[in-house]
Amino acid sequence: MERMPPLRREKLARLKRAEDRQRSVCAELALQAAFALWGAKPLAYACGEKGRPLLPEPWDLSLSHSGGIGLAALADTPVGVDVERMERPFGSLRRKLCSLAEQDVPEKELVQLWTAKEAYLKLTGEGLSVPMNMLTAEGGCLVRDGKKEAVLTRFSYPHDYSITLASRIPVEAQLHIFTPDDVLQLLCSRERIYHD
């Protein structure tokens, strides 16, 4: 907890379930690891409208968590990111999730549609206020009202999760996977550098 900034501590205090608190801590640790990998001191962030984390320009940040994974996307361009377990059932949401062009998508691909659309809605800051069936994920892009609105980058590792990054422009995205112990080691070594 001593590594959690005040904003995260406030959020943790509001969460009722232990699993939700653990996922929230994982997302914060992922963010701190991202800063460490970029060789930067962590910047304080605030929550914008609808809870979207905000950093000083030119930085942008998006967080997500699912199962045992906390995910942070840190970039110098606007981004949105989402992660979901592949086994999560989305079949009952087909009508609300799929656009007319996506009606025949196999059930096993629905989780990828969800992460693509959720990542885009995090990018725009609109959240679930926009009906997902008004959006179409096609050919590595997110289409809205007939216009390409975002570039989608999908990650296939770890194999039991679907991860999608949405950005306005193509980005060179890198995925780094850490255990909590790896993150703590990274943070401790960074602290030694900053104190020396």
N, C-alpha and C. Protein backbone atom coordinates (compact mmCIF):
# COMPACT_ATOMS: atom_id res chain seq x y z
N MET A 1 0.81 -1.20 0.00
CA MET A 1 0.00 0.00 0.00
C MET A 1 0.86 1.26 0.00
N GLU A 2 2.07 1.18 0.56
CA GLU A 2 2.90 2.39 0.60
C GLU A 2 3.30 2.85 -0.80
N ARG A 3 3.21 1.98 -1.79
CA ARG A 3 3.54 2.36 -3.17
C ARG A 3 2.33 2.89 -3.93
N MET A 4 1.17 2.89 -3.30
CA MET A 4 -0.04 3.34 -3.98
C MET A 4 -0.23 4.85 -3.79
N PRO A 5 -0.45 5.59 -4.87
CA PRO A 5 -0.70 7.02 -4.73
C PRO A 5 -2.06 7.27 -4.09
N PRO A 6 -2.29 8.48 -3.58
CA PRO A 6 -3.55 8.78 -2.88
C PRO A 6 -4.81 8.47 -3.70
N LEU A 7 -4.78 8.76 -5.00
CA LEU A 7 -5.95 8.51 -5.84
C LEU A 7 -6.29 7.02 -5.86
N ARG A 8 -5.26 6.18 -5.95
CA ARG A 8 -5.49 4.73 -5.97
C ARG A 8 -5.97 4.25 -4.61
N ARG A 9 -5.42 4.80 -3.54
CA ARG A 9 -5.87 4.40 -2.20
C ARG A 9 -7.34 4.73 -2.00
N GLU A 10 -7.76 5.89 -2.49
CA GLU A 10 -9.18 6.26 -2.39
C GLU A 10 -10.05 5.26 -3.14
N LYS A 11 -9.61 4.88 -4.34
CA LYS A 11 -10.37 3.91 -5.13
C LYS A 11 -10.43 2.57 -4.41
N LEU A 12 -9.30 2.13 -3.87
CA LEU A 12 -9.26 0.85 -3.17
C LEU A 12 -10.21 0.85 -1.98
N ALA A 13 -10.31 1.96 -1.28
CA ALA A 13 -11.20 2.06 -0.12
C ALA A 13 -12.66 1.91 -0.52
N ARG A 14 -13.00 2.28 -1.76
CA ARG A 14 -14.40 2.18 -2.22
C ARG A 14 -14.76 0.78 -2.72
N LEU A 15 -13.76 -0.02 -3.06
CA LEU A 15 -14.03 -1.35 -3.61
C LEU A 15 -14.37 -2.32 -2.50
N LYS A 16 -15.45 -3.04 -2.67
CA LYS A 16 -15.95 -3.96 -1.64
C LYS A 16 -15.28 -5.33 -1.70
N ARG A 17 -15.06 -5.85 -2.92
CA ARG A 17 -14.56 -7.22 -3.07
C ARG A 17 -13.03 -7.25 -3.11
N ALA A 18 -12.45 -8.24 -2.43
CA ALA A 18 -10.99 -8.38 -2.38
C ALA A 18 -10.41 -8.57 -3.78
N GLU A 19 -11.11 -9.33 -4.67
CA GLU A 19 -10.60 -9.55 -6.03
C GLU A 19 -10.51 -8.24 -6.80
N ASP A 20 -11.50 -7.36 -6.60
CA ASP A 20 -11.48 -6.07 -7.29
C ASP A 20 -10.32 -5.20 -6.79
N ARG A 21 -10.06 -5.26 -5.48
CA ARG A 21 -8.93 -4.50 -4.93
C ARG A 21 -7.61 -5.03 -5.49
N GLN A 22 -7.48 -6.36 -5.59
CA GLN A 22 -6.26 -6.96 -6.12
C GLN A 22 -6.04 -6.54 -7.57
N ARG A 23 -7.10 -6.57 -8.40
CA ARG A 23 -6.97 -6.16 -9.80
C ARG A 23 -6.59 -4.68 -9.91
N SER A 24 -7.17 -3.86 -9.04
CA SER A 24 -6.86 -2.43 -9.05
C SER A 24 -5.39 -2.19 -8.70
N VAL A 25 -4.87 -2.92 -7.72
CA VAL A 25 -3.46 -2.82 -7.36
C VAL A 25 -2.59 -3.27 -8.54
N CYS A 26 -3.00 -4.35 -9.22
CA CYS A 26 -2.24 -4.83 -10.39
C CYS A 26 -2.16 -3.75 -11.47
N ALA A 27 -3.28 -3.05 -11.72
CA ALA A 27 -3.26 -1.99 -12.73
C ALA A 27 -2.30 -0.87 -12.32
N GLU A 28 -2.31 -0.51 -11.06
CA GLU A 28 -1.39 0.55 -10.58
C GLU A 28 0.06 0.10 -10.69
N LEU A 29 0.35 -1.14 -10.34
CA LEU A 29 1.72 -1.65 -10.45
C LEU A 29 2.16 -1.69 -11.92
N ALA A 30 1.22 -2.03 -12.81
CA ALA A 30 1.55 -2.04 -14.25
C ALA A 30 1.91 -0.63 -14.71
N LEU A 31 1.18 0.35 -14.23
CA LEU A 31 1.48 1.74 -14.59
C LEU A 31 2.86 2.14 -14.08
N GLN A 32 3.16 1.81 -12.84
CA GLN A 32 4.47 2.15 -12.29
C GLN A 32 5.59 1.45 -13.06
N ALA A 33 5.34 0.20 -13.48
CA ALA A 33 6.34 -0.52 -14.28
C ALA A 33 6.53 0.15 -15.63
N ALA A 34 5.44 0.64 -16.23
CA ALA A 34 5.54 1.33 -17.53
C ALA A 34 6.41 2.57 -17.40
N PHE A 35 6.19 3.36 -16.36
CA PHE A 35 7.04 4.54 -16.15
C PHE A 35 8.50 4.12 -16.00
N ALA A 36 8.74 3.07 -15.22
CA ALA A 36 10.11 2.62 -15.00
C ALA A 36 10.76 2.18 -16.31
N LEU A 37 10.00 1.48 -17.16
CA LEU A 37 10.55 1.04 -18.44
C LEU A 37 10.88 2.22 -19.35
N TRP A 38 10.09 3.29 -19.26
CA TRP A 38 10.36 4.48 -20.06
C TRP A 38 11.47 5.32 -19.42
N GLY A 39 11.96 4.90 -18.27
CA GLY A 39 13.01 5.64 -17.59
C GLY A 39 12.54 6.95 -17.00
N ALA A 40 11.25 7.00 -16.65
CA ALA A 40 10.67 8.24 -16.13
C ALA A 40 10.18 8.04 -14.72
N LYS A 41 10.25 9.11 -13.93
CA LYS A 41 9.63 9.07 -12.61
C LYS A 41 8.12 9.04 -12.81
N PRO A 42 7.39 8.33 -11.96
CA PRO A 42 5.94 8.31 -12.10
C PRO A 42 5.38 9.73 -11.97
N LEU A 43 4.46 10.05 -12.85
CA LEU A 43 3.78 11.34 -12.80
C LEU A 43 2.48 11.16 -12.03
N ALA A 44 2.12 12.17 -11.27
CA ALA A 44 0.82 12.12 -10.59
C ALA A 44 -0.27 12.23 -11.64
N TYR A 45 -1.31 11.45 -11.48
CA TYR A 45 -2.42 11.54 -12.42
C TYR A 45 -3.69 11.85 -11.67
N ALA A 46 -4.62 12.40 -12.42
CA ALA A 46 -5.93 12.75 -11.87
C ALA A 46 -6.97 11.95 -12.61
N CYS A 47 -8.18 11.96 -12.11
CA CYS A 47 -9.28 11.32 -12.81
C CYS A 47 -10.10 12.39 -13.51
N GLY A 48 -10.29 12.19 -14.80
CA GLY A 48 -11.10 13.11 -15.57
C GLY A 48 -12.56 12.69 -15.53
N GLU A 49 -13.28 13.24 -16.47
CA GLU A 49 -14.69 12.91 -16.59
C GLU A 49 -14.84 11.41 -16.80
N LYS A 50 -15.80 10.80 -16.17
CA LYS A 50 -16.10 9.36 -16.26
C LYS A 50 -14.95 8.50 -15.74
N GLY A 51 -14.06 9.08 -14.91
CA GLY A 51 -13.02 8.29 -14.26
C GLY A 51 -11.79 8.01 -15.09
N ARG A 52 -11.69 8.58 -16.30
CA ARG A 52 -10.52 8.34 -17.15
C ARG A 52 -9.30 8.99 -16.52
N PRO A 53 -8.20 8.21 -16.34
CA PRO A 53 -7.00 8.79 -15.76
C PRO A 53 -6.37 9.82 -16.70
N LEU A 54 -5.90 10.92 -16.13
CA LEU A 54 -5.30 11.99 -16.91
C LEU A 54 -3.89 12.28 -16.43
N LEU A 55 -2.97 12.42 -17.38
CA LEU A 55 -1.58 12.79 -17.11
C LEU A 55 -1.30 14.12 -17.79
N PRO A 56 -0.24 14.81 -17.34
CA PRO A 56 0.13 16.04 -18.04
C PRO A 56 0.55 15.73 -19.48
N GLU A 57 0.27 16.66 -20.39
CA GLU A 57 0.66 16.45 -21.79
C GLU A 57 2.17 16.34 -21.89
N PRO A 58 2.72 15.56 -22.78
CA PRO A 58 2.07 14.86 -23.87
C PRO A 58 1.64 13.44 -23.51
N TRP A 59 1.74 13.07 -22.26
CA TRP A 59 1.46 11.70 -21.84
C TRP A 59 -0.03 11.38 -21.88
N ASP A 60 -0.32 10.11 -22.19
CA ASP A 60 -1.68 9.61 -22.09
C ASP A 60 -1.61 8.24 -21.44
N LEU A 61 -2.69 7.88 -20.79
CA LEU A 61 -2.71 6.69 -19.96
C LEU A 61 -4.06 6.01 -20.08
N SER A 62 -4.04 4.70 -20.14
CA SER A 62 -5.27 3.91 -20.07
C SER A 62 -4.97 2.68 -19.23
N LEU A 63 -5.90 2.33 -18.37
CA LEU A 63 -5.74 1.18 -17.48
C LEU A 63 -6.86 0.18 -17.69
N SER A 64 -6.57 -1.09 -17.46
CA SER A 64 -7.57 -2.15 -17.53
C SER A 64 -7.11 -3.31 -16.65
N HIS A 65 -8.06 -4.12 -16.24
CA HIS A 65 -7.71 -5.34 -15.51
C HIS A 65 -8.79 -6.38 -15.69
N SER A 66 -8.37 -7.64 -15.65
CA SER A 66 -9.28 -8.77 -15.78
C SER A 66 -8.56 -9.99 -15.23
N GLY A 67 -9.30 -10.86 -14.57
CA GLY A 67 -8.67 -12.05 -14.00
C GLY A 67 -7.50 -11.65 -13.13
N GLY A 68 -6.33 -12.20 -13.39
CA GLY A 68 -5.16 -11.89 -12.59
C GLY A 68 -4.22 -10.89 -13.25
N ILE A 69 -4.71 -10.15 -14.25
CA ILE A 69 -3.85 -9.22 -14.98
C ILE A 69 -4.28 -7.78 -14.74
N GLY A 70 -3.29 -6.94 -14.47
CA GLY A 70 -3.47 -5.49 -14.47
C GLY A 70 -2.68 -4.96 -15.64
N LEU A 71 -3.27 -4.04 -16.40
CA LEU A 71 -2.67 -3.58 -17.64
C LEU A 71 -2.63 -2.06 -17.65
N ALA A 72 -1.51 -1.50 -18.07
CA ALA A 72 -1.37 -0.05 -18.21
C ALA A 72 -0.80 0.23 -19.59
N ALA A 73 -1.43 1.16 -20.30
CA ALA A 73 -0.90 1.66 -21.57
C ALA A 73 -0.45 3.09 -21.32
N LEU A 74 0.81 3.35 -21.54
CA LEU A 74 1.41 4.66 -21.35
C LEU A 74 2.00 5.08 -22.69
N ALA A 75 1.60 6.27 -23.17
CA ALA A 75 2.03 6.69 -24.51
C ALA A 75 2.13 8.20 -24.58
N ASP A 76 2.77 8.66 -25.65
CA ASP A 76 2.83 10.10 -25.89
C ASP A 76 1.81 10.51 -26.97
N THR A 77 0.79 9.72 -27.11
CA THR A 77 -0.35 9.97 -27.98
C THR A 77 -1.58 9.36 -27.30
N PRO A 78 -2.79 9.85 -27.57
CA PRO A 78 -3.97 9.27 -26.92
C PRO A 78 -4.13 7.78 -27.21
N VAL A 79 -4.43 7.01 -26.15
CA VAL A 79 -4.61 5.56 -26.26
C VAL A 79 -5.76 5.10 -25.37
N GLY A 80 -6.27 3.94 -25.69
CA GLY A 80 -7.22 3.24 -24.83
C GLY A 80 -6.83 1.77 -24.87
N VAL A 81 -7.01 1.06 -23.77
CA VAL A 81 -6.62 -0.35 -23.74
C VAL A 81 -7.66 -1.15 -22.96
N ASP A 82 -7.85 -2.40 -23.37
CA ASP A 82 -8.74 -3.28 -22.62
C ASP A 82 -8.20 -4.70 -22.65
N VAL A 83 -8.44 -5.42 -21.56
CA VAL A 83 -8.05 -6.82 -21.45
C VAL A 83 -9.23 -7.60 -20.88
N GLU A 84 -9.45 -8.79 -21.42
CA GLU A 84 -10.50 -9.70 -20.93
C GLU A 84 -10.00 -11.12 -21.05
N ARG A 85 -10.50 -11.97 -20.15
CA ARG A 85 -10.18 -13.39 -20.24
C ARG A 85 -10.88 -13.98 -21.46
N MET A 86 -10.20 -14.84 -22.20
CA MET A 86 -10.78 -15.46 -23.40
C MET A 86 -11.99 -16.31 -23.06
N GLU A 87 -12.01 -16.88 -21.87
CA GLU A 87 -13.12 -17.78 -21.50
C GLU A 87 -14.38 -17.03 -21.08
N ARG A 88 -14.29 -15.70 -20.96
CA ARG A 88 -15.46 -14.93 -20.53
C ARG A 88 -16.56 -15.04 -21.59
N PRO A 89 -17.76 -15.44 -21.20
CA PRO A 89 -18.84 -15.61 -22.18
C PRO A 89 -19.45 -14.26 -22.60
N PHE A 90 -19.46 -13.99 -23.91
CA PHE A 90 -20.07 -12.77 -24.43
C PHE A 90 -21.27 -13.08 -25.33
N GLY A 91 -21.60 -14.37 -25.49
CA GLY A 91 -22.70 -14.77 -26.38
C GLY A 91 -24.01 -14.07 -26.06
N SER A 92 -24.32 -13.91 -24.78
CA SER A 92 -25.59 -13.27 -24.40
C SER A 92 -25.60 -11.78 -24.73
N LEU A 93 -24.42 -11.21 -25.01
CA LEU A 93 -24.32 -9.79 -25.34
C LEU A 93 -24.24 -9.53 -26.85
N ARG A 94 -24.35 -10.57 -27.66
CA ARG A 94 -24.17 -10.44 -29.12
C ARG A 94 -24.99 -9.29 -29.69
N ARG A 95 -26.27 -9.20 -29.34
CA ARG A 95 -27.15 -8.17 -29.90
C ARG A 95 -26.66 -6.77 -29.57
N LYS A 96 -26.15 -6.58 -28.34
CA LYS A 96 -25.68 -5.26 -27.92
C LYS A 96 -24.24 -4.99 -28.37
N LEU A 97 -23.50 -6.04 -28.66
CA LEU A 97 -22.07 -5.91 -28.99
C LEU A 97 -21.81 -5.78 -30.48
N CYS A 98 -22.52 -6.56 -31.30
CA CYS A 98 -22.20 -6.67 -32.72
C CYS A 98 -22.97 -5.67 -33.58
N SER A 99 -22.24 -5.02 -34.48
CA SER A 99 -22.87 -4.17 -35.49
C SER A 99 -23.51 -5.08 -36.54
N LEU A 100 -24.24 -4.51 -37.48
CA LEU A 100 -24.86 -5.32 -38.54
C LEU A 100 -23.79 -6.11 -39.30
N ALA A 101 -22.63 -5.52 -39.54
CA ALA A 101 -21.55 -6.20 -40.27
C ALA A 101 -20.92 -7.33 -39.48
N GLU A 102 -21.17 -7.39 -38.17
CA GLU A 102 -20.51 -8.38 -37.31
C GLU A 102 -21.45 -9.49 -36.83
N GLN A 103 -22.65 -9.53 -37.34
CA GLN A 103 -23.64 -10.49 -36.83
C GLN A 103 -23.22 -11.95 -36.95
N ASP A 104 -22.38 -12.27 -37.94
CA ASP A 104 -21.97 -13.66 -38.14
C ASP A 104 -20.62 -14.00 -37.52
N VAL A 105 -20.09 -13.12 -36.69
CA VAL A 105 -18.81 -13.38 -36.04
C VAL A 105 -18.96 -14.60 -35.13
N PRO A 106 -18.03 -15.57 -35.22
CA PRO A 106 -18.10 -16.74 -34.34
C PRO A 106 -18.04 -16.33 -32.87
N GLU A 107 -18.70 -17.10 -32.03
CA GLU A 107 -18.77 -16.78 -30.60
C GLU A 107 -17.39 -16.65 -29.96
N LYS A 108 -16.44 -17.47 -30.39
CA LYS A 108 -15.10 -17.42 -29.78
C LYS A 108 -14.38 -16.11 -30.09
N GLU A 109 -14.84 -15.33 -31.08
CA GLU A 109 -14.21 -14.05 -31.42
C GLU A 109 -14.91 -12.85 -30.77
N LEU A 110 -15.98 -13.09 -30.04
CA LEU A 110 -16.71 -11.98 -29.42
C LEU A 110 -15.88 -11.25 -28.38
N VAL A 111 -15.02 -11.97 -27.68
CA VAL A 111 -14.19 -11.31 -26.67
C VAL A 111 -13.23 -10.30 -27.33
N GLN A 112 -12.72 -10.64 -28.54
CA GLN A 112 -11.85 -9.69 -29.25
C GLN A 112 -12.64 -8.45 -29.67
N LEU A 113 -13.90 -8.64 -30.09
CA LEU A 113 -14.74 -7.48 -30.42
C LEU A 113 -14.94 -6.60 -29.20
N TRP A 114 -15.21 -7.24 -28.07
CA TRP A 114 -15.43 -6.47 -26.84
C TRP A 114 -14.20 -5.64 -26.50
N THR A 115 -13.01 -6.27 -26.51
CA THR A 115 -11.81 -5.52 -26.11
C THR A 115 -11.50 -4.40 -27.11
N ALA A 116 -11.77 -4.63 -28.39
CA ALA A 116 -11.54 -3.59 -29.40
C ALA A 116 -12.44 -2.38 -29.14
N LYS A 117 -13.71 -2.64 -28.91
CA LYS A 117 -14.67 -1.55 -28.72
C LYS A 117 -14.49 -0.87 -27.37
N GLU A 118 -14.21 -1.64 -26.35
CA GLU A 118 -13.95 -1.05 -25.02
C GLU A 118 -12.68 -0.19 -25.05
N ALA A 119 -11.63 -0.67 -25.75
CA ALA A 119 -10.40 0.12 -25.86
C ALA A 119 -10.68 1.44 -26.60
N TYR A 120 -11.48 1.38 -27.66
CA TYR A 120 -11.83 2.60 -28.39
C TYR A 120 -12.62 3.57 -27.50
N LEU A 121 -13.57 3.05 -26.75
CA LEU A 121 -14.38 3.92 -25.89
C LEU A 121 -13.56 4.51 -24.75
N LYS A 122 -12.50 3.81 -24.34
CA LYS A 122 -11.57 4.39 -23.36
C LYS A 122 -10.72 5.48 -24.03
N LEU A 123 -10.34 5.25 -25.29
CA LEU A 123 -9.59 6.25 -26.04
C LEU A 123 -10.38 7.56 -26.14
N THR A 124 -11.66 7.45 -26.47
CA THR A 124 -12.48 8.65 -26.65
C THR A 124 -12.93 9.25 -25.32
N GLY A 125 -12.89 8.42 -24.26
CA GLY A 125 -13.37 8.88 -22.96
C GLY A 125 -14.88 8.78 -22.81
N GLU A 126 -15.54 8.16 -23.79
CA GLU A 126 -17.00 8.07 -23.75
C GLU A 126 -17.51 6.92 -22.88
N GLY A 127 -16.67 5.94 -22.65
CA GLY A 127 -17.10 4.79 -21.86
C GLY A 127 -18.28 4.10 -22.52
N LEU A 128 -19.05 3.40 -21.73
CA LEU A 128 -20.16 2.62 -22.28
C LEU A 128 -21.39 3.45 -22.59
N SER A 129 -21.24 4.78 -22.66
CA SER A 129 -22.38 5.63 -23.02
C SER A 129 -22.71 5.50 -24.51
N VAL A 130 -21.77 4.98 -25.31
CA VAL A 130 -22.00 4.75 -26.73
C VAL A 130 -22.36 3.28 -26.92
N PRO A 131 -23.47 2.98 -27.60
CA PRO A 131 -23.81 1.57 -27.84
C PRO A 131 -22.74 0.88 -28.69
N MET A 132 -22.25 -0.25 -28.21
CA MET A 132 -21.18 -0.94 -28.91
C MET A 132 -21.61 -1.42 -30.29
N ASN A 133 -22.90 -1.70 -30.48
CA ASN A 133 -23.35 -2.18 -31.79
C ASN A 133 -23.36 -1.07 -32.85
N MET A 134 -22.99 0.15 -32.46
CA MET A 134 -22.85 1.25 -33.41
C MET A 134 -21.41 1.35 -33.93
N LEU A 135 -20.55 0.49 -33.42
CA LEU A 135 -19.13 0.47 -33.78
C LEU A 135 -18.82 -0.84 -34.49
N THR A 136 -17.87 -0.80 -35.43
CA THR A 136 -17.47 -2.01 -36.15
C THR A 136 -15.94 -2.12 -36.12
N ALA A 137 -15.45 -3.26 -35.70
CA ALA A 137 -14.01 -3.55 -35.73
C ALA A 137 -13.74 -4.34 -37.00
N GLU A 138 -12.94 -3.74 -37.89
CA GLU A 138 -12.64 -4.43 -39.15
C GLU A 138 -11.25 -4.07 -39.64
N GLY A 139 -10.53 -5.08 -40.10
CA GLY A 139 -9.23 -4.85 -40.71
C GLY A 139 -8.25 -4.05 -39.88
N GLY A 140 -8.21 -4.26 -38.56
CA GLY A 140 -7.28 -3.54 -37.71
C GLY A 140 -7.68 -2.11 -37.41
N CYS A 141 -8.94 -1.77 -37.70
CA CYS A 141 -9.44 -0.41 -37.44
C CYS A 141 -10.79 -0.50 -36.73
N LEU A 142 -11.15 0.59 -36.09
CA LEU A 142 -12.48 0.74 -35.50
C LEU A 142 -13.21 1.75 -36.36
N VAL A 143 -14.37 1.36 -36.85
CA VAL A 143 -15.18 2.20 -37.73
C VAL A 143 -16.42 2.66 -36.99
N ARG A 144 -16.70 3.96 -37.12
CA ARG A 144 -17.88 4.55 -36.48
C ARG A 144 -18.55 5.48 -37.50
N ASP A 145 -19.82 5.29 -37.72
CA ASP A 145 -20.56 6.10 -38.70
C ASP A 145 -19.86 6.12 -40.06
N GLY A 146 -19.33 4.94 -40.46
CA GLY A 146 -18.70 4.81 -41.76
C GLY A 146 -17.29 5.38 -41.88
N LYS A 147 -16.74 5.92 -40.79
CA LYS A 147 -15.40 6.51 -40.82
C LYS A 147 -14.44 5.73 -39.92
N LYS A 148 -13.19 5.57 -40.38
CA LYS A 148 -12.16 4.96 -39.54
C LYS A 148 -11.85 5.93 -38.42
N GLU A 149 -12.01 5.48 -37.19
CA GLU A 149 -11.82 6.34 -36.03
C GLU A 149 -10.58 5.99 -35.22
N ALA A 150 -10.12 4.74 -35.34
CA ALA A 150 -8.97 4.32 -34.52
C ALA A 150 -8.27 3.14 -35.17
N VAL A 151 -6.98 3.03 -34.85
CA VAL A 151 -6.17 1.88 -35.23
C VAL A 151 -6.19 0.92 -34.04
N LEU A 152 -6.37 -0.36 -34.32
CA LEU A 152 -6.42 -1.37 -33.27
C LEU A 152 -5.16 -2.23 -33.32
N THR A 153 -4.52 -2.40 -32.19
CA THR A 153 -3.37 -3.30 -32.06
C THR A 153 -3.77 -4.40 -31.10
N ARG A 154 -3.70 -5.64 -31.57
CA ARG A 154 -4.10 -6.77 -30.73
C ARG A 154 -2.86 -7.54 -30.30
N PHE A 155 -2.95 -8.06 -29.07
CA PHE A 155 -1.87 -8.88 -28.53
C PHE A 155 -2.42 -10.27 -28.26
N SER A 156 -1.64 -11.28 -28.62
CA SER A 156 -2.10 -12.66 -28.45
C SER A 156 -1.45 -13.34 -27.25
N TYR A 157 -0.68 -12.61 -26.48
CA TYR A 157 -0.04 -13.21 -25.32
C TYR A 157 -0.36 -12.38 -24.10
N PRO A 158 -0.71 -12.95 -23.00
CA PRO A 158 -0.82 -14.38 -22.73
C PRO A 158 -2.02 -14.97 -23.47
N HIS A 159 -1.95 -16.26 -23.77
CA HIS A 159 -2.90 -16.92 -24.66
C HIS A 159 -4.32 -16.96 -24.13
N ASP A 160 -4.52 -16.87 -22.83
CA ASP A 160 -5.88 -16.97 -22.30
C ASP A 160 -6.51 -15.61 -22.07
N TYR A 161 -5.93 -14.55 -22.65
CA TYR A 161 -6.46 -13.20 -22.56
C TYR A 161 -6.52 -12.56 -23.93
N SER A 162 -7.47 -11.67 -24.11
CA SER A 162 -7.53 -10.83 -25.30
C SER A 162 -7.17 -9.42 -24.86
N ILE A 163 -6.18 -8.82 -25.52
CA ILE A 163 -5.74 -7.47 -25.20
C ILE A 163 -5.79 -6.65 -26.48
N THR A 164 -6.43 -5.49 -26.42
CA THR A 164 -6.48 -4.60 -27.58
C THR A 164 -6.11 -3.18 -27.15
N LEU A 165 -5.27 -2.54 -27.95
CA LEU A 165 -4.89 -1.14 -27.77
C LEU A 165 -5.52 -0.36 -28.93
N ALA A 166 -6.19 0.74 -28.61
CA ALA A 166 -6.76 1.62 -29.63
C ALA A 166 -6.02 2.95 -29.59
N SER A 167 -5.69 3.47 -30.78
CA SER A 167 -5.01 4.76 -30.88
C SER A 167 -5.51 5.46 -32.15
N ARG A 168 -5.35 6.77 -32.20
CA ARG A 168 -5.77 7.53 -33.39
C ARG A 168 -4.80 7.34 -34.54
N ILE A 169 -3.54 7.12 -34.22
CA ILE A 169 -2.50 6.93 -35.23
C ILE A 169 -1.81 5.60 -34.95
N PRO A 170 -1.18 4.99 -35.96
CA PRO A 170 -0.44 3.75 -35.70
C PRO A 170 0.67 4.00 -34.67
N VAL A 171 0.82 3.09 -33.74
CA VAL A 171 1.87 3.19 -32.73
C VAL A 171 2.67 1.90 -32.70
N GLU A 172 3.93 2.02 -32.30
CA GLU A 172 4.74 0.83 -32.07
C GLU A 172 4.53 0.40 -30.64
N ALA A 173 3.63 -0.52 -30.45
CA ALA A 173 3.29 -0.94 -29.10
C ALA A 173 4.15 -2.13 -28.68
N GLN A 174 4.54 -2.12 -27.42
CA GLN A 174 5.31 -3.23 -26.85
C GLN A 174 4.55 -3.74 -25.64
N LEU A 175 4.51 -5.04 -25.51
CA LEU A 175 3.85 -5.66 -24.37
C LEU A 175 4.92 -6.26 -23.46
N HIS A 176 4.94 -5.84 -22.21
CA HIS A 176 5.85 -6.39 -21.21
C HIS A 176 5.00 -7.03 -20.13
N ILE A 177 5.34 -8.25 -19.78
CA ILE A 177 4.58 -8.96 -18.76
C ILE A 177 5.47 -9.16 -17.54
N PHE A 178 4.95 -8.75 -16.38
CA PHE A 178 5.67 -8.84 -15.12
C PHE A 178 4.82 -9.52 -14.07
N THR A 179 5.48 -10.22 -13.16
CA THR A 179 4.81 -10.66 -11.95
C THR A 179 4.87 -9.49 -10.97
N PRO A 180 4.07 -9.49 -9.91
CA PRO A 180 4.20 -8.42 -8.91
C PRO A 180 5.61 -8.31 -8.35
N ASP A 181 6.30 -9.45 -8.15
CA ASP A 181 7.68 -9.40 -7.66
C ASP A 181 8.60 -8.72 -8.67
N ASP A 182 8.40 -8.99 -9.98
CA ASP A 182 9.19 -8.33 -11.01
C ASP A 182 9.01 -6.81 -10.94
N VAL A 183 7.76 -6.38 -10.76
CA VAL A 183 7.47 -4.94 -10.70
C VAL A 183 8.17 -4.32 -9.49
N LEU A 184 8.06 -4.99 -8.34
CA LEU A 184 8.69 -4.44 -7.14
C LEU A 184 10.21 -4.35 -7.29
N GLN A 185 10.82 -5.35 -7.92
CA GLN A 185 12.27 -5.31 -8.18
C GLN A 185 12.61 -4.13 -9.09
N LEU A 186 11.82 -3.96 -10.14
CA LEU A 186 12.04 -2.86 -11.07
C LEU A 186 11.92 -1.52 -10.36
N LEU A 187 10.90 -1.39 -9.51
CA LEU A 187 10.69 -0.13 -8.79
C LEU A 187 11.82 0.13 -7.79
N CYS A 188 12.26 -0.91 -7.10
CA CYS A 188 13.35 -0.74 -6.13
C CYS A 188 14.63 -0.32 -6.83
N SER A 189 14.93 -0.93 -7.98
CA SER A 189 16.15 -0.55 -8.69
C SER A 189 16.03 0.88 -9.21
N ARG A 190 14.84 1.29 -9.66
CA ARG A 190 14.65 2.67 -10.11
C ARG A 190 14.83 3.64 -8.95
N GLU A 191 14.31 3.29 -7.77
CA GLU A 191 14.46 4.17 -6.59
C GLU A 191 15.93 4.33 -6.22
N ARG A 192 16.71 3.25 -6.34
CA ARG A 192 18.14 3.36 -6.04
C ARG A 192 18.82 4.34 -7.01
N ILE A 193 18.42 4.29 -8.28
CA ILE A 193 19.00 5.20 -9.28
C ILE A 193 18.66 6.64 -8.92
N TYR A 194 17.39 6.90 -8.55
CA TYR A 194 16.96 8.27 -8.26
C TYR A 194 17.54 8.80 -6.95
N HIS A 195 17.89 7.89 -6.03
CA HIS A 195 18.45 8.34 -4.74
C HIS A 195 19.97 8.49 -4.80
N ASP A 196 20.60 7.86 -5.79
CA ASP A 196 22.07 7.94 -5.90
C ASP A 196 22.52 9.21 -6.59
